[in-house]
């Protein structure tokens, strides 16, 4: 299998350093990070948490001073670098790590050039940037789940501001109903005369419709386990030649 070379570019202004290990682990599923760069004003105290992990993960910091108040010069530096890397033709794809919609046009331009574009950001990321990427991954999903407290605690009353902030951080994932409808349409389009469709092809097309789709958002580690949980479909494993695992096929259940 050909090794996919990926440039990972991180916007430090709106991504927390706590995600970095999980970002790199996730990216390893898609290819090898040949460029690892992070952009920000490293003279600013807010970047201190990032400075502690840059050396550990061999990430190159790119200094960008904020020349004008209210203007994000970090975005410009990251965009210029991305275009330089694109024209060097040394990579097969890009991973843009940001929750900022300012990178929407960049993602579109990179895809126009035939490059794989993976986006990573928090759930507050605007939809235009998500849909501009071929694949988008929510960073909160990558963090390990916190153990649930079993002891009873006093109920605290949150202020209006806390409630508003909490709601603003939450983003509804695509409902299962929408996913089921999309899966039904795709299976009808690509299935053979007997109604069976190869699951890999089905999920590839589903990801094109919903770049942020991930079975882990619904509590399932694998897409195959997710689709088996849906009563509208049935699956079948078929033996394949060689060391590979069985191929899984899916069809719509007869009513």
C-alpha atoms as a PDB file:
ATOM      1  CA  UNK A   1       0.000   0.000   0.000  1.00  0.00           C
ATOM      2  CA  UNK A   2       1.321   3.423  -1.005  1.00  0.00           C
ATOM      3  CA  UNK A   3       2.255   5.674   1.898  1.00  0.00           C
ATOM      4  CA  UNK A   4       0.248   8.900   1.812  1.00  0.00           C
ATOM      5  CA  UNK A   5       2.323  11.971   2.647  1.00  0.00           C
ATOM      6  CA  UNK A   6       0.409  14.646   4.557  1.00  0.00           C
ATOM      7  CA  UNK A   7       1.266  18.179   5.654  1.00  0.00           C
ATOM      8  CA  UNK A   8      -0.307  19.016   9.000  1.00  0.00           C
ATOM      9  CA  UNK A   9      -0.778  22.730   9.624  1.00  0.00           C
ATOM     10  CA  UNK A  10      -2.098  23.857  13.015  1.00  0.00           C
ATOM     11  CA  UNK A  11      -3.660  27.197  13.930  1.00  0.00           C
ATOM     12  CA  UNK A  12      -2.551  27.650  17.545  1.00  0.00           C
ATOM     13  CA  UNK A  13      -4.838  30.658  18.071  1.00  0.00           C
ATOM     14  CA  UNK A  14      -7.960  28.533  18.516  1.00  0.00           C
ATOM     15  CA  UNK A  15      -6.727  24.963  19.124  1.00  0.00           C
ATOM     16  CA  UNK A  16      -5.682  23.794  22.603  1.00  0.00           C
ATOM     17  CA  UNK A  17      -2.427  21.881  23.126  1.00  0.00           C
ATOM     18  CA  UNK A  18      -4.272  19.079  24.966  1.00  0.00           C
ATOM     19  CA  UNK A  19      -5.381  17.692  21.609  1.00  0.00           C
ATOM     20  CA  UNK A  20      -1.978  17.273  19.970  1.00  0.00           C
ATOM     21  CA  UNK A  21      -1.281  13.604  20.815  1.00  0.00           C
ATOM     22  CA  UNK A  22      -4.775  12.612  19.701  1.00  0.00           C
ATOM     23  CA  UNK A  23      -4.452  14.684  16.504  1.00  0.00           C
ATOM     24  CA  UNK A  24      -1.236  12.925  15.483  1.00  0.00           C
ATOM     25  CA  UNK A  25      -2.544   9.476  16.448  1.00  0.00           C
ATOM     26  CA  UNK A  26      -5.665  10.040  14.353  1.00  0.00           C
ATOM     27  CA  UNK A  27      -3.713  11.376  11.385  1.00  0.00           C
ATOM     28  CA  UNK A  28      -1.503   8.258  11.400  1.00  0.00           C
ATOM     29  CA  UNK A  29      -4.566   6.299  10.211  1.00  0.00           C
ATOM     30  CA  UNK A  30      -4.509   8.272   6.968  1.00  0.00           C
ATOM     31  CA  UNK A  31      -0.804   8.609   6.223  1.00  0.00           C
ATOM     32  CA  UNK A  32       2.565  10.004   7.333  1.00  0.00           C
ATOM     33  CA  UNK A  33       2.954  13.600   8.484  1.00  0.00           C
ATOM     34  CA  UNK A  34       5.943  14.861   6.490  1.00  0.00           C
ATOM     35  CA  UNK A  35       5.346  18.506   7.426  1.00  0.00           C
ATOM     36  CA  UNK A  36       4.318  19.361  10.992  1.00  0.00           C
ATOM     37  CA  UNK A  37       3.946  23.101  11.451  1.00  0.00           C
ATOM     38  CA  UNK A  38       2.083  25.270  13.919  1.00  0.00           C
ATOM     39  CA  UNK A  39       1.389  28.982  13.517  1.00  0.00           C
ATOM     40  CA  UNK A  40       1.082  31.677  16.153  1.00  0.00           C
ATOM     41  CA  UNK A  41       2.671  34.564  18.001  1.00  0.00           C
ATOM     42  CA  UNK A  42       5.121  32.724  20.252  1.00  0.00           C
ATOM     43  CA  UNK A  43       5.959  35.906  22.183  1.00  0.00           C
ATOM     44  CA  UNK A  44       2.408  35.885  23.542  1.00  0.00           C
ATOM     45  CA  UNK A  45       1.784  34.233  26.917  1.00  0.00           C
ATOM     46  CA  UNK A  46      -1.248  32.318  25.568  1.00  0.00           C
ATOM     47  CA  UNK A  47       1.152  30.135  23.560  1.00  0.00           C
ATOM     48  CA  UNK A  48       2.997  28.860  26.646  1.00  0.00           C
ATOM     49  CA  UNK A  49       1.068  25.577  26.798  1.00  0.00           C
ATOM     50  CA  UNK A  50       2.009  24.820  23.197  1.00  0.00           C
ATOM     51  CA  UNK A  51       5.702  25.563  23.771  1.00  0.00           C
ATOM     52  CA  UNK A  52       5.878  22.631  26.206  1.00  0.00           C
ATOM     53  CA  UNK A  53       4.789  20.045  23.605  1.00  0.00           C
ATOM     54  CA  UNK A  54       6.398  21.304  20.378  1.00  0.00           C
ATOM     55  CA  UNK A  55       9.728  19.596  20.958  1.00  0.00           C
ATOM     56  CA  UNK A  56       8.153  16.383  22.218  1.00  0.00           C
ATOM     57  CA  UNK A  57       6.145  15.935  19.005  1.00  0.00           C
ATOM     58  CA  UNK A  58       8.721  17.474  16.612  1.00  0.00           C
ATOM     59  CA  UNK A  59       6.413  20.261  15.471  1.00  0.00           C
ATOM     60  CA  UNK A  60       7.982  23.307  13.827  1.00  0.00           C
ATOM     61  CA  UNK A  61       6.665  26.605  15.257  1.00  0.00           C
ATOM     62  CA  UNK A  62       6.175  29.387  12.709  1.00  0.00           C
ATOM     63  CA  UNK A  63       6.380  32.845  14.273  1.00  0.00           C
ATOM     64  CA  UNK A  64       3.785  35.353  13.142  1.00  0.00           C
ATOM     65  CA  UNK A  65       3.494  38.702  14.891  1.00  0.00           C
ATOM     66  CA  UNK A  66       0.115  40.380  15.247  1.00  0.00           C
ATOM     67  CA  UNK A  67       0.839  43.587  13.384  1.00  0.00           C
ATOM     68  CA  UNK A  68      -2.664  45.024  13.724  1.00  0.00           C
ATOM     69  CA  UNK A  69      -5.159  44.650  16.540  1.00  0.00           C
ATOM     70  CA  UNK A  70      -8.185  42.615  15.491  1.00  0.00           C
ATOM     71  CA  UNK A  71      -6.513  41.134  12.402  1.00  0.00           C
ATOM     72  CA  UNK A  72      -5.538  37.463  12.378  1.00  0.00           C
ATOM     73  CA  UNK A  73      -2.131  37.405  10.702  1.00  0.00           C
ATOM     74  CA  UNK A  74      -1.670  33.772  11.766  1.00  0.00           C
ATOM     75  CA  UNK A  75      -4.287  32.732   9.203  1.00  0.00           C
ATOM     76  CA  UNK A  76      -2.437  34.521   6.407  1.00  0.00           C
ATOM     77  CA  UNK A  77       0.887  32.879   7.294  1.00  0.00           C
ATOM     78  CA  UNK A  78      -0.701  29.433   7.372  1.00  0.00           C
ATOM     79  CA  UNK A  79      -2.447  29.960   4.023  1.00  0.00           C
ATOM     80  CA  UNK A  80       0.752  31.200   2.332  1.00  0.00           C
ATOM     81  CA  UNK A  81       2.702  28.223   3.689  1.00  0.00           C
ATOM     82  CA  UNK A  82       0.030  25.805   2.500  1.00  0.00           C
ATOM     83  CA  UNK A  83       0.232  27.176  -1.035  1.00  0.00           C
ATOM     84  CA  UNK A  84       4.052  26.972  -1.000  1.00  0.00           C
ATOM     85  CA  UNK A  85       3.832  23.316   0.070  1.00  0.00           C
ATOM     86  CA  UNK A  86       1.180  22.658  -2.588  1.00  0.00           C
ATOM     87  CA  UNK A  87       3.380  23.996  -5.385  1.00  0.00           C
ATOM     88  CA  UNK A  88       6.394  22.017  -4.112  1.00  0.00           C
ATOM     89  CA  UNK A  89       4.341  18.894  -4.931  1.00  0.00           C
ATOM     90  CA  UNK A  90       5.916  16.988  -2.038  1.00  0.00           C
ATOM     91  CA  UNK A  91       2.686  15.865  -0.356  1.00  0.00           C
ATOM     92  CA  UNK A  92      -0.486  13.980  -1.262  1.00  0.00           C
ATOM     93  CA  UNK A  93      -2.726  15.763   1.216  1.00  0.00           C
ATOM     94  CA  UNK A  94      -3.161  18.343   3.940  1.00  0.00           C
ATOM     95  CA  UNK A  95      -4.533  18.259   7.471  1.00  0.00           C
ATOM     96  CA  UNK A  96      -5.804  21.700   8.500  1.00  0.00           C
ATOM     97  CA  UNK A  97      -6.289  21.917  12.258  1.00  0.00           C
ATOM     98  CA  UNK A  98      -8.473  24.882  13.117  1.00  0.00           C
ATOM     99  CA  UNK A  99     -11.981  25.830  14.182  1.00  0.00           C
ATOM    100  CA  UNK A 100     -11.876  28.931  11.993  1.00  0.00           C
ATOM    101  CA  UNK A 101     -14.017  29.345   8.865  1.00  0.00           C
ATOM    102  CA  UNK A 102     -11.291  31.556   7.346  1.00  0.00           C
ATOM    103  CA  UNK A 103      -9.655  28.389   6.016  1.00  0.00           C
ATOM    104  CA  UNK A 104     -12.692  27.389   3.942  1.00  0.00           C
ATOM    105  CA  UNK A 105     -11.339  28.824   0.695  1.00  0.00           C
ATOM    106  CA  UNK A 106      -7.942  27.241   1.342  1.00  0.00           C
ATOM    107  CA  UNK A 107      -9.528  23.799   1.758  1.00  0.00           C
ATOM    108  CA  UNK A 108     -11.466  24.278  -1.479  1.00  0.00           C
ATOM    109  CA  UNK A 109      -8.333  25.385  -3.369  1.00  0.00           C
ATOM    110  CA  UNK A 110      -6.285  22.411  -2.126  1.00  0.00           C
ATOM    111  CA  UNK A 111      -9.009  19.990  -3.187  1.00  0.00           C
ATOM    112  CA  UNK A 112      -9.204  21.675  -6.592  1.00  0.00           C
ATOM    113  CA  UNK A 113      -5.524  20.778  -6.937  1.00  0.00           C
ATOM    114  CA  UNK A 114      -6.403  17.122  -6.347  1.00  0.00           C
ATOM    115  CA  UNK A 115      -5.109  16.913  -2.785  1.00  0.00           C
ATOM    116  CA  UNK A 116      -6.719  15.054   0.091  1.00  0.00           C
ATOM    117  CA  UNK A 117      -7.916  17.597   2.685  1.00  0.00           C
ATOM    118  CA  UNK A 118      -8.634  16.491   6.245  1.00  0.00           C
ATOM    119  CA  UNK A 119      -9.994  19.075   8.649  1.00  0.00           C
ATOM    120  CA  UNK A 120      -9.825  18.853  12.422  1.00  0.00           C
ATOM    121  CA  UNK A 121     -11.471  21.265  14.812  1.00  0.00           C
ATOM    122  CA  UNK A 122     -13.803  21.634  17.753  1.00  0.00           C
ATOM    123  CA  UNK A 123     -17.571  21.305  17.466  1.00  0.00           C
ATOM    124  CA  UNK A 124     -17.873  25.096  17.252  1.00  0.00           C
ATOM    125  CA  UNK A 125     -16.316  24.950  13.754  1.00  0.00           C
ATOM    126  CA  UNK A 126     -18.603  26.653  11.190  1.00  0.00           C
ATOM    127  CA  UNK A 127     -20.256  24.385   8.627  1.00  0.00           C
ATOM    128  CA  UNK A 128     -18.618  25.955   5.515  1.00  0.00           C
ATOM    129  CA  UNK A 129     -15.154  24.820   6.618  1.00  0.00           C
ATOM    130  CA  UNK A 130     -16.442  21.349   7.517  1.00  0.00           C
ATOM    131  CA  UNK A 131     -18.083  20.786   4.143  1.00  0.00           C
ATOM    132  CA  UNK A 132     -15.050  22.177   2.281  1.00  0.00           C
ATOM    133  CA  UNK A 133     -12.935  19.299   3.635  1.00  0.00           C
ATOM    134  CA  UNK A 134     -13.016  15.778   2.256  1.00  0.00           C
ATOM    135  CA  UNK A 135     -13.034  14.493   5.833  1.00  0.00           C
ATOM    136  CA  UNK A 136     -13.635  16.449   9.034  1.00  0.00           C
ATOM    137  CA  UNK A 137     -12.910  15.144  12.538  1.00  0.00           C
ATOM    138  CA  UNK A 138     -14.184  16.694  15.765  1.00  0.00           C
ATOM    139  CA  UNK A 139     -11.377  16.999  18.288  1.00  0.00           C
ATOM    140  CA  UNK A 140     -13.622  16.482  21.319  1.00  0.00           C
ATOM    141  CA  UNK A 141     -14.407  13.010  19.983  1.00  0.00           C
ATOM    142  CA  UNK A 142     -10.719  12.053  20.127  1.00  0.00           C
ATOM    143  CA  UNK A 143     -10.347  12.728  23.850  1.00  0.00           C
ATOM    144  CA  UNK A 144     -10.758   9.736  26.176  1.00  0.00           C
ATOM    145  CA  UNK A 145     -14.074   9.624  27.977  1.00  0.00           C
ATOM    146  CA  UNK A 146     -14.045  10.886  31.536  1.00  0.00           C
ATOM    147  CA  UNK A 147     -15.184   8.341  34.131  1.00  0.00           C
ATOM    148  CA  UNK A 148     -18.675   9.034  35.383  1.00  0.00           C
ATOM    149  CA  UNK A 149     -18.974  10.060  39.015  1.00  0.00           C
ATOM    150  CA  UNK A 150     -21.062   7.679  41.075  1.00  0.00           C
ATOM    151  CA  UNK A 151     -21.208   9.790  44.221  1.00  0.00           C
ATOM    152  CA  UNK A 152     -24.042  12.234  44.654  1.00  0.00           C
ATOM    153  CA  UNK A 153     -23.065  15.865  44.664  1.00  0.00           C
ATOM    154  CA  UNK A 154     -24.949  18.999  45.466  1.00  0.00           C
ATOM    155  CA  UNK A 155     -26.695  20.496  42.473  1.00  0.00           C
ATOM    156  CA  UNK A 156     -25.175  23.838  41.607  1.00  0.00           C
ATOM    157  CA  UNK A 157     -27.048  26.596  39.876  1.00  0.00           C
ATOM    158  CA  UNK A 158     -25.240  27.869  36.820  1.00  0.00           C
ATOM    159  CA  UNK A 159     -25.308  31.483  35.825  1.00  0.00           C
ATOM    160  CA  UNK A 160     -26.997  32.543  32.578  1.00  0.00           C
ATOM    161  CA  UNK A 161     -23.578  33.181  31.027  1.00  0.00           C
ATOM    162  CA  UNK A 162     -22.350  29.674  31.919  1.00  0.00           C
ATOM    163  CA  UNK A 163     -25.455  28.154  30.377  1.00  0.00           C
ATOM    164  CA  UNK A 164     -25.022  30.162  27.182  1.00  0.00           C
ATOM    165  CA  UNK A 165     -21.322  29.229  26.924  1.00  0.00           C
ATOM    166  CA  UNK A 166     -22.116  25.556  27.449  1.00  0.00           C
ATOM    167  CA  UNK A 167     -24.745  25.587  24.691  1.00  0.00           C
ATOM    168  CA  UNK A 168     -22.459  27.421  22.287  1.00  0.00           C
ATOM    169  CA  UNK A 169     -19.783  24.723  22.657  1.00  0.00           C
ATOM    170  CA  UNK A 170     -22.237  21.956  21.781  1.00  0.00           C
ATOM    171  CA  UNK A 171     -23.025  21.098  18.175  1.00  0.00           C
ATOM    172  CA  UNK A 172     -25.671  18.625  17.152  1.00  0.00           C
ATOM    173  CA  UNK A 173     -24.286  15.823  15.003  1.00  0.00           C
ATOM    174  CA  UNK A 174     -26.274  14.654  12.014  1.00  0.00           C
ATOM    175  CA  UNK A 175     -29.285  12.735  13.294  1.00  0.00           C
ATOM    176  CA  UNK A 176     -29.524   8.990  12.836  1.00  0.00           C
ATOM    177  CA  UNK A 177     -32.691   9.543  10.815  1.00  0.00           C
ATOM    178  CA  UNK A 178     -30.743  11.608   8.273  1.00  0.00           C
ATOM    179  CA  UNK A 179     -27.968   9.026   8.178  1.00  0.00           C
ATOM    180  CA  UNK A 180     -30.452   6.182   7.621  1.00  0.00           C
ATOM    181  CA  UNK A 181     -32.123   8.094   4.782  1.00  0.00           C
ATOM    182  CA  UNK A 182     -28.763   8.785   3.143  1.00  0.00           C
ATOM    183  CA  UNK A 183     -27.664   5.158   3.544  1.00  0.00           C
ATOM    184  CA  UNK A 184     -30.932   3.973   2.001  1.00  0.00           C
ATOM    185  CA  UNK A 185     -30.470   6.240  -1.023  1.00  0.00           C
ATOM    186  CA  UNK A 186     -26.833   5.197  -1.475  1.00  0.00           C
ATOM    187  CA  UNK A 187     -27.556   1.473  -1.210  1.00  0.00           C
ATOM    188  CA  UNK A 188     -30.364   1.813  -3.766  1.00  0.00           C
ATOM    189  CA  UNK A 189     -27.929   3.572  -6.111  1.00  0.00           C
ATOM    190  CA  UNK A 190     -24.923   1.243  -5.855  1.00  0.00           C
ATOM    191  CA  UNK A 191     -26.385  -2.159  -5.006  1.00  0.00           C
ATOM    192  CA  UNK A 192     -26.361  -5.114  -7.375  1.00  0.00           C
ATOM    193  CA  UNK A 193     -29.550  -6.685  -8.722  1.00  0.00           C
ATOM    194  CA  UNK A 194     -29.863  -8.769  -5.550  1.00  0.00           C
ATOM    195  CA  UNK A 195     -29.885  -5.613  -3.406  1.00  0.00           C
ATOM    196  CA  UNK A 196     -26.467  -6.157  -1.773  1.00  0.00           C
ATOM    197  CA  UNK A 197     -23.859  -3.375  -1.771  1.00  0.00           C
ATOM    198  CA  UNK A 198     -20.250  -3.429  -0.601  1.00  0.00           C
ATOM    199  CA  UNK A 199     -20.116  -1.612   2.750  1.00  0.00           C
ATOM    200  CA  UNK A 200     -16.822   0.127   1.948  1.00  0.00           C
ATOM    201  CA  UNK A 201     -18.325   1.795  -1.128  1.00  0.00           C
ATOM    202  CA  UNK A 202     -21.436   2.774   0.818  1.00  0.00           C
ATOM    203  CA  UNK A 203     -19.505   4.529   3.577  1.00  0.00           C
ATOM    204  CA  UNK A 204     -17.178   6.234   1.086  1.00  0.00           C
ATOM    205  CA  UNK A 205     -20.197   7.847  -0.542  1.00  0.00           C
ATOM    206  CA  UNK A 206     -21.732   8.639   2.844  1.00  0.00           C
ATOM    207  CA  UNK A 207     -18.560  10.502   3.865  1.00  0.00           C
ATOM    208  CA  UNK A 208     -18.825  12.598   0.708  1.00  0.00           C
ATOM    209  CA  UNK A 209     -22.319  13.674   1.734  1.00  0.00           C
ATOM    210  CA  UNK A 210     -21.375  14.195   5.386  1.00  0.00           C
ATOM    211  CA  UNK A 211     -17.611  14.970   5.749  1.00  0.00           C
ATOM    212  CA  UNK A 212     -17.970  15.015   9.537  1.00  0.00           C
ATOM    213  CA  UNK A 213     -19.628  11.584   9.733  1.00  0.00           C
ATOM    214  CA  UNK A 214     -17.858   9.246  12.143  1.00  0.00           C
ATOM    215  CA  UNK A 215     -19.376   6.166  13.757  1.00  0.00           C
ATOM    216  CA  UNK A 216     -17.641   7.132  17.025  1.00  0.00           C
ATOM    217  CA  UNK A 217     -19.986  10.103  17.314  1.00  0.00           C
ATOM    218  CA  UNK A 218     -22.819   7.588  17.766  1.00  0.00           C
ATOM    219  CA  UNK A 219     -20.955   5.372  20.234  1.00  0.00           C
ATOM    220  CA  UNK A 220     -19.533   2.779  17.822  1.00  0.00           C
ATOM    221  CA  UNK A 221     -15.816   2.313  17.160  1.00  0.00           C
ATOM    222  CA  UNK A 222     -16.321   0.845  13.681  1.00  0.00           C
ATOM    223  CA  UNK A 223     -18.735   1.745  10.861  1.00  0.00           C
ATOM    224  CA  UNK A 224     -19.637  -1.934  10.454  1.00  0.00           C
ATOM    225  CA  UNK A 225     -20.769  -2.113  14.083  1.00  0.00           C
ATOM    226  CA  UNK A 226     -22.737   1.102  13.635  1.00  0.00           C
ATOM    227  CA  UNK A 227     -24.674  -0.158  10.622  1.00  0.00           C
ATOM    228  CA  UNK A 228     -25.411  -3.471  12.351  1.00  0.00           C
ATOM    229  CA  UNK A 229     -27.115  -1.472  15.093  1.00  0.00           C
ATOM    230  CA  UNK A 230     -29.572   0.003  12.581  1.00  0.00           C
ATOM    231  CA  UNK A 231     -32.707  -2.126  12.231  1.00  0.00           C
ATOM    232  CA  UNK A 232     -33.352  -0.848   8.696  1.00  0.00           C
ATOM    233  CA  UNK A 233     -30.404  -2.817   7.261  1.00  0.00           C
ATOM    234  CA  UNK A 234     -28.896  -6.290   7.263  1.00  0.00           C
ATOM    235  CA  UNK A 235     -25.266  -7.241   6.684  1.00  0.00           C
ATOM    236  CA  UNK A 236     -23.430 -10.253   5.340  1.00  0.00           C
ATOM    237  CA  UNK A 237     -19.739 -11.168   5.633  1.00  0.00           C
ATOM    238  CA  UNK A 238     -18.217 -12.802   2.575  1.00  0.00           C
ATOM    239  CA  UNK A 239     -14.885 -14.609   2.516  1.00  0.00           C
ATOM    240  CA  UNK A 240     -12.121 -12.999   0.458  1.00  0.00           C
ATOM    241  CA  UNK A 241      -8.928 -14.415  -0.984  1.00  0.00           C
ATOM    242  CA  UNK A 242      -5.657 -13.756   0.800  1.00  0.00           C
ATOM    243  CA  UNK A 243      -4.951 -12.579   4.341  1.00  0.00           C
ATOM    244  CA  UNK A 244      -7.578  -9.831   4.331  1.00  0.00           C
ATOM    245  CA  UNK A 245     -10.624 -10.031   6.576  1.00  0.00           C
ATOM    246  CA  UNK A 246     -14.053 -10.875   5.213  1.00  0.00           C
ATOM    247  CA  UNK A 247     -15.736  -8.286   3.008  1.00  0.00           C
ATOM    248  CA  UNK A 248     -18.960  -6.935   4.456  1.00  0.00           C
ATOM    249  CA  UNK A 249     -22.020  -6.294   2.310  1.00  0.00           C
ATOM    250  CA  UNK A 250     -25.223  -4.510   3.290  1.00  0.00           C
ATOM    251  CA  UNK A 251     -28.767  -4.294   1.979  1.00  0.00           C
ATOM    252  CA  UNK A 252     -32.079  -2.768   2.988  1.00  0.00           C
ATOM    253  CA  UNK A 253     -34.226  -5.119   5.052  1.00  0.00           C
ATOM    254  CA  UNK A 254     -37.409  -6.318   3.442  1.00  0.00           C
ATOM    255  CA  UNK A 255     -40.517  -5.031   5.166  1.00  0.00           C
END
